[in-house]
Amino acid sequence: QRDPQNYNYVYVSKAQPEHLELYENGRVTFHT
């Protein structure tokens, strides 16, 4: 069995401007 889901990871930087990056399978796919 293999996990069918992506490997997701969330990185939040408190350096201003504070922001969040979503990594999916090692690539940033979302930023806010």
PDB file of all heavy atoms in Angstrom:
ATOM      1  N   GLN A   1       0.842  -1.194   0.000  1.00  0.00           N
ATOM      2  CA  GLN A   1       0.000   0.000   0.000  1.00  0.00           C
ATOM      3  C   GLN A   1       0.879   1.245   0.000  1.00  0.00           C
ATOM      4  O   GLN A   1       1.907   1.291   0.664  1.00  0.00           O
ATOM      5  CB  GLN A   1      -0.900   0.030   1.236  1.00  0.00           C
ATOM      6  CG  GLN A   1      -1.956  -1.032   1.237  1.00  0.00           C
ATOM      7  CD  GLN A   1      -2.781  -0.998   2.527  1.00  0.00           C
ATOM      8  OE1 GLN A   1      -2.517  -0.236   3.448  1.00  0.00           O
ATOM      9  NE2 GLN A   1      -3.788  -1.844   2.583  1.00  0.00           N
ATOM     10  N   ARG A   2       0.458   2.225  -0.724  1.00  0.00           N
ATOM     11  CA  ARG A   2       1.142   3.520  -0.766  1.00  0.00           C
ATOM     12  C   ARG A   2       0.136   4.593  -0.363  1.00  0.00           C
ATOM     13  O   ARG A   2      -1.052   4.474  -0.632  1.00  0.00           O
ATOM     14  CB  ARG A   2       1.655   3.838  -2.170  1.00  0.00           C
ATOM     15  CG  ARG A   2       2.609   2.818  -2.714  1.00  0.00           C
ATOM     16  CD  ARG A   2       3.984   3.071  -2.184  1.00  0.00           C
ATOM     17  NE  ARG A   2       4.928   2.168  -2.815  1.00  0.00           N
ATOM     18  CZ  ARG A   2       5.842   1.510  -2.154  1.00  0.00           C
ATOM     19  NH1 ARG A   2       5.947   1.643  -0.863  1.00  0.00           N
ATOM     20  NH2 ARG A   2       6.668   0.709  -2.772  1.00  0.00           N
ATOM     21  N   ASP A   3       0.640   5.639   0.253  1.00  0.00           N
ATOM     22  CA  ASP A   3      -0.224   6.757   0.624  1.00  0.00           C
ATOM     23  C   ASP A   3      -0.586   7.509  -0.657  1.00  0.00           C
ATOM     24  O   ASP A   3       0.296   8.015  -1.342  1.00  0.00           O
ATOM     25  CB  ASP A   3       0.502   7.679   1.606  1.00  0.00           C
ATOM     26  CG  ASP A   3      -0.382   8.775   2.144  1.00  0.00           C
ATOM     27  OD1 ASP A   3      -1.503   8.981   1.623  1.00  0.00           O
ATOM     28  OD2 ASP A   3       0.048   9.451   3.092  1.00  0.00           O
ATOM     29  N   PRO A   4      -1.870   7.584  -0.992  1.00  0.00           N
ATOM     30  CA  PRO A   4      -2.258   8.267  -2.234  1.00  0.00           C
ATOM     31  C   PRO A   4      -2.222   9.797  -2.118  1.00  0.00           C
ATOM     32  O   PRO A   4      -2.332  10.495  -3.113  1.00  0.00           O
ATOM     33  CB  PRO A   4      -3.696   7.780  -2.466  1.00  0.00           C
ATOM     34  CG  PRO A   4      -4.205   7.509  -1.079  1.00  0.00           C
ATOM     35  CD  PRO A   4      -3.016   7.014  -0.296  1.00  0.00           C
ATOM     36  N   GLN A   5      -2.058  10.306  -0.903  1.00  0.00           N
ATOM     37  CA  GLN A   5      -2.066  11.754  -0.682  1.00  0.00           C
ATOM     38  C   GLN A   5      -0.713  12.380  -1.017  1.00  0.00           C
ATOM     39  O   GLN A   5       0.322  11.721  -0.945  1.00  0.00           O
ATOM     40  CB  GLN A   5      -2.403  12.064   0.781  1.00  0.00           C
ATOM     41  CG  GLN A   5      -3.726  11.511   1.257  1.00  0.00           C
ATOM     42  CD  GLN A   5      -4.896  12.085   0.488  1.00  0.00           C
ATOM     43  OE1 GLN A   5      -4.969  13.275   0.231  1.00  0.00           O
ATOM     44  NE2 GLN A   5      -5.821  11.222   0.093  1.00  0.00           N
ATOM     45  N   ASN A   6      -0.728  13.657  -1.344  1.00  0.00           N
ATOM     46  CA  ASN A   6       0.505  14.417  -1.504  1.00  0.00           C
ATOM     47  C   ASN A   6       1.197  14.539  -0.154  1.00  0.00           C
ATOM     48  O   ASN A   6       0.546  14.446   0.890  1.00  0.00           O
ATOM     49  CB  ASN A   6       0.213  15.837  -2.001  1.00  0.00           C
ATOM     50  CG  ASN A   6      -0.211  15.872  -3.449  1.00  0.00           C
ATOM     51  OD1 ASN A   6       0.091  14.976  -4.222  1.00  0.00           O
ATOM     52  ND2 ASN A   6      -0.909  16.925  -3.818  1.00  0.00           N
ATOM     53  N   TYR A   7       2.514  14.779  -0.186  1.00  0.00           N
ATOM     54  CA  TYR A   7       3.209  15.117   1.053  1.00  0.00           C
ATOM     55  C   TYR A   7       3.130  16.635   1.201  1.00  0.00           C
ATOM     56  O   TYR A   7       3.741  17.379   0.437  1.00  0.00           O
ATOM     57  CB  TYR A   7       4.675  14.662   1.055  1.00  0.00           C
ATOM     58  CG  TYR A   7       5.325  15.061   2.357  1.00  0.00           C
ATOM     59  CD1 TYR A   7       5.077  14.327   3.512  1.00  0.00           C
ATOM     60  CD2 TYR A   7       6.111  16.204   2.450  1.00  0.00           C
ATOM     61  CE1 TYR A   7       5.608  14.716   4.725  1.00  0.00           C
ATOM     62  CE2 TYR A   7       6.656  16.594   3.668  1.00  0.00           C
ATOM     63  CZ  TYR A   7       6.396  15.842   4.788  1.00  0.00           C
ATOM     64  OH  TYR A   7       6.919  16.236   5.998  1.00  0.00           O
ATOM     65  N   ASN A   8       2.346  17.079   2.173  1.00  0.00           N
ATOM     66  CA  ASN A   8       2.142  18.505   2.392  1.00  0.00           C
ATOM     67  C   ASN A   8       2.901  18.968   3.626  1.00  0.00           C
ATOM     68  O   ASN A   8       3.029  18.228   4.604  1.00  0.00           O
ATOM     69  CB  ASN A   8       0.658  18.818   2.561  1.00  0.00           C
ATOM     70  CG  ASN A   8      -0.139  18.493   1.319  1.00  0.00           C
ATOM     71  OD1 ASN A   8       0.406  18.410   0.226  1.00  0.00           O
ATOM     72  ND2 ASN A   8      -1.422  18.303   1.480  1.00  0.00           N
ATOM     73  N   TYR A   9       3.367  20.203   3.572  1.00  0.00           N
ATOM     74  CA  TYR A   9       4.132  20.809   4.659  1.00  0.00           C
ATOM     75  C   TYR A   9       3.841  22.304   4.627  1.00  0.00           C
ATOM     76  O   TYR A   9       3.775  22.911   3.556  1.00  0.00           O
ATOM     77  CB  TYR A   9       5.625  20.538   4.449  1.00  0.00           C
ATOM     78  CG  TYR A   9       6.546  21.335   5.331  1.00  0.00           C
ATOM     79  CD1 TYR A   9       6.602  21.108   6.701  1.00  0.00           C
ATOM     80  CD2 TYR A   9       7.383  22.309   4.794  1.00  0.00           C
ATOM     81  CE1 TYR A   9       7.462  21.837   7.511  1.00  0.00           C
ATOM     82  CE2 TYR A   9       8.249  23.033   5.592  1.00  0.00           C
ATOM     83  CZ  TYR A   9       8.282  22.794   6.946  1.00  0.00           C
ATOM     84  OH  TYR A   9       9.130  23.512   7.749  1.00  0.00           O
ATOM     85  N   VAL A  10       3.647  22.902   5.813  1.00  0.00           N
ATOM     86  CA  VAL A  10       3.338  24.329   5.910  1.00  0.00           C
ATOM     87  C   VAL A  10       4.477  25.033   6.638  1.00  0.00           C
ATOM     88  O   VAL A  10       4.871  24.625   7.730  1.00  0.00           O
ATOM     89  CB  VAL A  10       2.001  24.556   6.660  1.00  0.00           C
ATOM     90  CG1 VAL A  10       1.733  26.045   6.851  1.00  0.00           C
ATOM     91  CG2 VAL A  10       0.850  23.892   5.914  1.00  0.00           C
ATOM     92  N   TYR A  11       4.991  26.080   6.019  1.00  0.00           N
ATOM     93  CA  TYR A  11       6.060  26.886   6.604  1.00  0.00           C
ATOM     94  C   TYR A  11       5.521  28.295   6.837  1.00  0.00           C
ATOM     95  O   TYR A  11       5.005  28.931   5.914  1.00  0.00           O
ATOM     96  CB  TYR A  11       7.272  26.936   5.674  1.00  0.00           C
ATOM     97  CG  TYR A  11       8.371  27.823   6.192  1.00  0.00           C
ATOM     98  CD1 TYR A  11       9.249  27.370   7.168  1.00  0.00           C
ATOM     99  CD2 TYR A  11       8.509  29.125   5.734  1.00  0.00           C
ATOM    100  CE1 TYR A  11      10.247  28.191   7.675  1.00  0.00           C
ATOM    101  CE2 TYR A  11       9.498  29.957   6.233  1.00  0.00           C
ATOM    102  CZ  TYR A  11      10.367  29.476   7.194  1.00  0.00           C
ATOM    103  OH  TYR A  11      11.350  30.293   7.697  1.00  0.00           O
ATOM    104  N   VAL A  12       5.620  28.779   8.084  1.00  0.00           N
ATOM    105  CA  VAL A  12       5.157  30.120   8.440  1.00  0.00           C
ATOM    106  C   VAL A  12       6.361  30.938   8.876  1.00  0.00           C
ATOM    107  O   VAL A  12       7.082  30.558   9.800  1.00  0.00           O
ATOM    108  CB  VAL A  12       4.114  30.077   9.579  1.00  0.00           C
ATOM    109  CG1 VAL A  12       3.699  31.485   9.998  1.00  0.00           C
ATOM    110  CG2 VAL A  12       2.898  29.253   9.153  1.00  0.00           C
ATOM    111  N   SER A  13       6.575  32.068   8.212  1.00  0.00           N
ATOM    112  CA  SER A  13       7.676  32.966   8.557  1.00  0.00           C
ATOM    113  C   SER A  13       7.129  34.141   9.359  1.00  0.00           C
ATOM    114  O   SER A  13       6.200  34.829   8.916  1.00  0.00           O
ATOM    115  CB  SER A  13       8.356  33.494   7.294  1.00  0.00           C
ATOM    116  OG  SER A  13       9.301  34.497   7.629  1.00  0.00           O
ATOM    117  N   LYS A  14       7.743  34.366  10.538  1.00  0.00           N
ATOM    118  CA  LYS A  14       7.354  35.513  11.362  1.00  0.00           C
ATOM    119  C   LYS A  14       8.141  36.768  10.989  1.00  0.00           C
ATOM    120  O   LYS A  14       7.909  37.821  11.556  1.00  0.00           O
ATOM    121  CB  LYS A  14       7.528  35.177  12.848  1.00  0.00           C
ATOM    122  CG  LYS A  14       6.552  34.090  13.270  1.00  0.00           C
ATOM    123  CD  LYS A  14       6.440  33.755  14.735  1.00  0.00           C
ATOM    124  CE  LYS A  14       7.385  34.209  15.728  1.00  0.00           C
ATOM    125  NZ  LYS A  14       7.048  33.815  17.111  1.00  0.00           N
ATOM    126  N   ALA A  15       9.035  36.654   9.999  1.00  0.00           N
ATOM    127  CA  ALA A  15       9.722  37.845   9.484  1.00  0.00           C
ATOM    128  C   ALA A  15       8.682  38.672   8.723  1.00  0.00           C
ATOM    129  O   ALA A  15       7.904  38.130   7.941  1.00  0.00           O
ATOM    130  CB  ALA A  15      10.870  37.447   8.565  1.00  0.00           C
ATOM    131  N   GLN A  16       8.675  39.963   8.963  1.00  0.00           N
ATOM    132  CA  GLN A  16       7.648  40.792   8.339  1.00  0.00           C
ATOM    133  C   GLN A  16       8.023  41.156   6.913  1.00  0.00           C
ATOM    134  O   GLN A  16       9.173  41.443   6.643  1.00  0.00           O
ATOM    135  CB  GLN A  16       7.409  42.034   9.194  1.00  0.00           C
ATOM    136  CG  GLN A  16       6.785  41.649  10.517  1.00  0.00           C
ATOM    137  CD  GLN A  16       6.419  42.842  11.370  1.00  0.00           C
ATOM    138  OE1 GLN A  16       6.147  43.923  10.864  1.00  0.00           O
ATOM    139  NE2 GLN A  16       6.412  42.643  12.673  1.00  0.00           N
ATOM    140  N   PRO A  17       7.078  41.105   5.998  1.00  0.00           N
ATOM    141  CA  PRO A  17       5.685  40.753   6.233  1.00  0.00           C
ATOM    142  C   PRO A  17       5.548  39.245   6.484  1.00  0.00           C
ATOM    143  O   PRO A  17       6.109  38.437   5.748  1.00  0.00           O
ATOM    144  CB  PRO A  17       4.972  41.167   4.954  1.00  0.00           C
ATOM    145  CG  PRO A  17       6.028  41.089   3.887  1.00  0.00           C
ATOM    146  CD  PRO A  17       7.329  41.418   4.566  1.00  0.00           C
ATOM    147  N   GLU A  18       4.807  38.894   7.538  1.00  0.00           N
ATOM    148  CA  GLU A  18       4.616  37.497   7.885  1.00  0.00           C
ATOM    149  C   GLU A  18       3.869  36.790   6.755  1.00  0.00           C
ATOM    150  O   GLU A  18       2.936  37.346   6.180  1.00  0.00           O
ATOM    151  CB  GLU A  18       3.821  37.379   9.190  1.00  0.00           C
ATOM    152  CG  GLU A  18       4.580  37.933  10.382  1.00  0.00           C
ATOM    153  CD  GLU A  18       3.821  37.797  11.680  1.00  0.00           C
ATOM    154  OE1 GLU A  18       2.575  37.865  11.664  1.00  0.00           O
ATOM    155  OE2 GLU A  18       4.484  37.605  12.713  1.00  0.00           O
ATOM    156  N   HIS A  19       4.324  35.589   6.449  1.00  0.00           N
ATOM    157  CA  HIS A  19       3.691  34.860   5.353  1.00  0.00           C
ATOM    158  C   HIS A  19       3.743  33.355   5.596  1.00  0.00           C
ATOM    159  O   HIS A  19       4.472  32.878   6.457  1.00  0.00           O
ATOM    160  CB  HIS A  19       4.354  35.203   4.011  1.00  0.00           C
ATOM    161  CG  HIS A  19       5.789  34.785   3.937  1.00  0.00           C
ATOM    162  ND1 HIS A  19       6.811  35.537   4.462  1.00  0.00           N
ATOM    163  CD2 HIS A  19       6.368  33.676   3.421  1.00  0.00           C
ATOM    164  CE1 HIS A  19       7.958  34.912   4.266  1.00  0.00           C
ATOM    165  NE2 HIS A  19       7.727  33.776   3.643  1.00  0.00           N
ATOM    166  N   LEU A  20       2.964  32.651   4.814  1.00  0.00           N
ATOM    167  CA  LEU A  20       2.844  31.200   4.877  1.00  0.00           C
ATOM    168  C   LEU A  20       3.110  30.647   3.492  1.00  0.00           C
ATOM    169  O   LEU A  20       2.687  31.227   2.491  1.00  0.00           O
ATOM    170  CB  LEU A  20       1.443  30.844   5.344  1.00  0.00           C
ATOM    171  CG  LEU A  20       0.982  29.390   5.368  1.00  0.00           C
ATOM    172  CD1 LEU A  20      -0.071  29.213   6.455  1.00  0.00           C
ATOM    173  CD2 LEU A  20       0.442  28.926   4.035  1.00  0.00           C
ATOM    174  N   GLU A  21       3.817  29.503   3.451  1.00  0.00           N
ATOM    175  CA  GLU A  21       4.030  28.778   2.202  1.00  0.00           C
ATOM    176  C   GLU A  21       3.545  27.347   2.397  1.00  0.00           C
ATOM    177  O   GLU A  21       3.871  26.715   3.395  1.00  0.00           O
ATOM    178  CB  GLU A  21       5.511  28.747   1.822  1.00  0.00           C
ATOM    179  CG  GLU A  21       6.073  30.102   1.507  1.00  0.00           C
ATOM    180  CD  GLU A  21       7.588  30.088   1.342  1.00  0.00           C
ATOM    181  OE1 GLU A  21       8.255  29.148   1.838  1.00  0.00           O
ATOM    182  OE2 GLU A  21       8.094  31.030   0.729  1.00  0.00           O
ATOM    183  N   LEU A  22       2.783  26.846   1.436  1.00  0.00           N
ATOM    184  CA  LEU A  22       2.371  25.450   1.414  1.00  0.00           C
ATOM    185  C   LEU A  22       3.240  24.718   0.409  1.00  0.00           C
ATOM    186  O   LEU A  22       3.325  25.120  -0.757  1.00  0.00           O
ATOM    187  CB  LEU A  22       0.900  25.313   1.005  1.00  0.00           C
ATOM    188  CG  LEU A  22       0.423  23.891   0.666  1.00  0.00           C
ATOM    189  CD1 LEU A  22       0.467  22.988   1.901  1.00  0.00           C
ATOM    190  CD2 LEU A  22      -0.963  23.921   0.053  1.00  0.00           C
ATOM    191  N   TYR A  23       3.891  23.661   0.886  1.00  0.00           N
ATOM    192  CA  TYR A  23       4.672  22.783   0.018  1.00  0.00           C
ATOM    193  C   TYR A  23       3.844  21.538  -0.259  1.00  0.00           C
ATOM    194  O   TYR A  23       3.341  20.909   0.671  1.00  0.00           O
ATOM    195  CB  TYR A  23       5.970  22.352   0.698  1.00  0.00           C
ATOM    196  CG  TYR A  23       7.009  23.432   0.787  1.00  0.00           C
ATOM    197  CD1 TYR A  23       6.917  24.425   1.753  1.00  0.00           C
ATOM    198  CD2 TYR A  23       8.098  23.448  -0.076  1.00  0.00           C
ATOM    199  CE1 TYR A  23       7.881  25.415   1.849  1.00  0.00           C
ATOM    200  CE2 TYR A  23       9.076  24.428   0.013  1.00  0.00           C
ATOM    201  CZ  TYR A  23       8.948  25.414   0.980  1.00  0.00           C
ATOM    202  OH  TYR A  23       9.894  26.395   1.075  1.00  0.00           O
ATOM    203  N   GLU A  24       3.721  21.185  -1.524  1.00  0.00           N
ATOM    204  CA  GLU A  24       3.097  19.925  -1.926  1.00  0.00           C
ATOM    205  C   GLU A  24       4.137  19.149  -2.713  1.00  0.00           C
ATOM    206  O   GLU A  24       4.624  19.634  -3.739  1.00  0.00           O
ATOM    207  CB  GLU A  24       1.873  20.161  -2.795  1.00  0.00           C
ATOM    208  CG  GLU A  24       0.697  20.765  -2.064  1.00  0.00           C
ATOM    209  CD  GLU A  24      -0.499  20.891  -2.976  1.00  0.00           C
ATOM    210  OE1 GLU A  24      -1.243  19.892  -3.105  1.00  0.00           O
ATOM    211  OE2 GLU A  24      -0.678  21.955  -3.573  1.00  0.00           O
ATOM    212  N   ASN A  25       4.488  17.959  -2.200  1.00  0.00           N
ATOM    213  CA  ASN A  25       5.502  17.129  -2.842  1.00  0.00           C
ATOM    214  C   ASN A  25       6.765  17.929  -3.155  1.00  0.00           C
ATOM    215  O   ASN A  25       7.362  17.808  -4.223  1.00  0.00           O
ATOM    216  CB  ASN A  25       4.953  16.458  -4.100  1.00  0.00           C
ATOM    217  CG  ASN A  25       3.862  15.465  -3.780  1.00  0.00           C
ATOM    218  OD1 ASN A  25       3.792  14.944  -2.669  1.00  0.00           O
ATOM    219  ND2 ASN A  25       2.999  15.200  -4.731  1.00  0.00           N
ATOM    220  N   GLY A  26       7.168  18.762  -2.190  1.00  0.00           N
ATOM    221  CA  GLY A  26       8.438  19.468  -2.291  1.00  0.00           C
ATOM    222  C   GLY A  26       8.422  20.774  -3.055  1.00  0.00           C
ATOM    223  O   GLY A  26       9.458  21.428  -3.177  1.00  0.00           O
ATOM    224  N   ARG A  27       7.273  21.193  -3.561  1.00  0.00           N
ATOM    225  CA  ARG A  27       7.192  22.461  -4.298  1.00  0.00           C
ATOM    226  C   ARG A  27       6.216  23.404  -3.612  1.00  0.00           C
ATOM    227  O   ARG A  27       5.168  22.977  -3.128  1.00  0.00           O
ATOM    228  CB  ARG A  27       6.695  22.225  -5.732  1.00  0.00           C
ATOM    229  CG  ARG A  27       7.637  21.444  -6.612  1.00  0.00           C
ATOM    230  CD  ARG A  27       7.127  21.281  -8.048  1.00  0.00           C
ATOM    231  NE  ARG A  27       5.746  20.817  -8.114  1.00  0.00           N
ATOM    232  CZ  ARG A  27       4.712  21.550  -8.575  1.00  0.00           C
ATOM    233  NH1 ARG A  27       4.876  22.761  -9.013  1.00  0.00           N
ATOM    234  NH2 ARG A  27       3.502  21.043  -8.599  1.00  0.00           N
ATOM    235  N   VAL A  28       6.550  24.702  -3.605  1.00  0.00           N
ATOM    236  CA  VAL A  28       5.624  25.695  -3.064  1.00  0.00           C
ATOM    237  C   VAL A  28       4.478  25.854  -4.058  1.00  0.00           C
ATOM    238  O   VAL A  28       4.697  26.186  -5.222  1.00  0.00           O
ATOM    239  CB  VAL A  28       6.317  27.054  -2.820  1.00  0.00           C
ATOM    240  CG1 VAL A  28       5.303  28.097  -2.366  1.00  0.00           C
ATOM    241  CG2 VAL A  28       7.431  26.910  -1.794  1.00  0.00           C
ATOM    242  N   THR A  29       3.249  25.579  -3.577  1.00  0.00           N
ATOM    243  CA  THR A  29       2.077  25.680  -4.447  1.00  0.00           C
ATOM    244  C   THR A  29       1.096  26.760  -3.999  1.00  0.00           C
ATOM    245  O   THR A  29       0.127  27.037  -4.697  1.00  0.00           O
ATOM    246  CB  THR A  29       1.324  24.334  -4.504  1.00  0.00           C
ATOM    247  OG1 THR A  29       0.903  23.990  -3.181  1.00  0.00           O
ATOM    248  CG2 THR A  29       2.209  23.239  -5.082  1.00  0.00           C
ATOM    249  N   PHE A  30       1.351  27.340  -2.825  1.00  0.00           N
ATOM    250  CA  PHE A  30       0.441  28.353  -2.292  1.00  0.00           C
ATOM    251  C   PHE A  30       1.230  29.251  -1.358  1.00  0.00           C
ATOM    252  O   PHE A  30       2.106  28.785  -0.631  1.00  0.00           O
ATOM    253  CB  PHE A  30      -0.713  27.669  -1.535  1.00  0.00           C
ATOM    254  CG  PHE A  30      -1.673  28.609  -0.890  1.00  0.00           C
ATOM    255  CD1 PHE A  30      -2.585  29.329  -1.633  1.00  0.00           C
ATOM    256  CD2 PHE A  30      -1.667  28.779   0.491  1.00  0.00           C
ATOM    257  CE1 PHE A  30      -3.477  30.202  -1.016  1.00  0.00           C
ATOM    258  CE2 PHE A  30      -2.559  29.637   1.110  1.00  0.00           C
ATOM    259  CZ  PHE A  30      -3.464  30.350   0.348  1.00  0.00           C
ATOM    260  N   HIS A  31       0.903  30.542  -1.389  1.00  0.00           N
ATOM    261  CA  HIS A  31       1.601  31.530  -0.568  1.00  0.00           C
ATOM    262  C   HIS A  31       0.582  32.595  -0.165  1.00  0.00           C
ATOM    263  O   HIS A  31      -0.230  33.009  -0.989  1.00  0.00           O
ATOM    264  CB  HIS A  31       2.720  32.156  -1.421  1.00  0.00           C
ATOM    265  CG  HIS A  31       3.545  33.153  -0.694  1.00  0.00           C
ATOM    266  ND1 HIS A  31       3.194  34.472  -0.572  1.00  0.00           N
ATOM    267  CD2 HIS A  31       4.725  33.022  -0.047  1.00  0.00           C
ATOM    268  CE1 HIS A  31       4.127  35.110   0.116  1.00  0.00           C
ATOM    269  NE2 HIS A  31       5.061  34.245   0.443  1.00  0.00           N
ATOM    270  N   THR A  32       0.605  33.022   1.090  1.00  0.00           N
ATOM    271  CA  THR A  32      -0.299  34.083   1.530  1.00  0.00           C
ATOM    272  C   THR A  32       0.301  34.838   2.709  1.00  0.00           C
ATOM    273  O   THR A  32       1.100  34.285   3.466  1.00  0.00           O
ATOM    274  CB  THR A  32      -1.686  33.526   1.925  1.00  0.00           C
ATOM    275  OG1 THR A  32      -2.574  34.625   2.203  1.00  0.00           O
ATOM    276  CG2 THR A  32      -1.617  32.626   3.145  1.00  0.00           C
TER     277      THR A  32
END
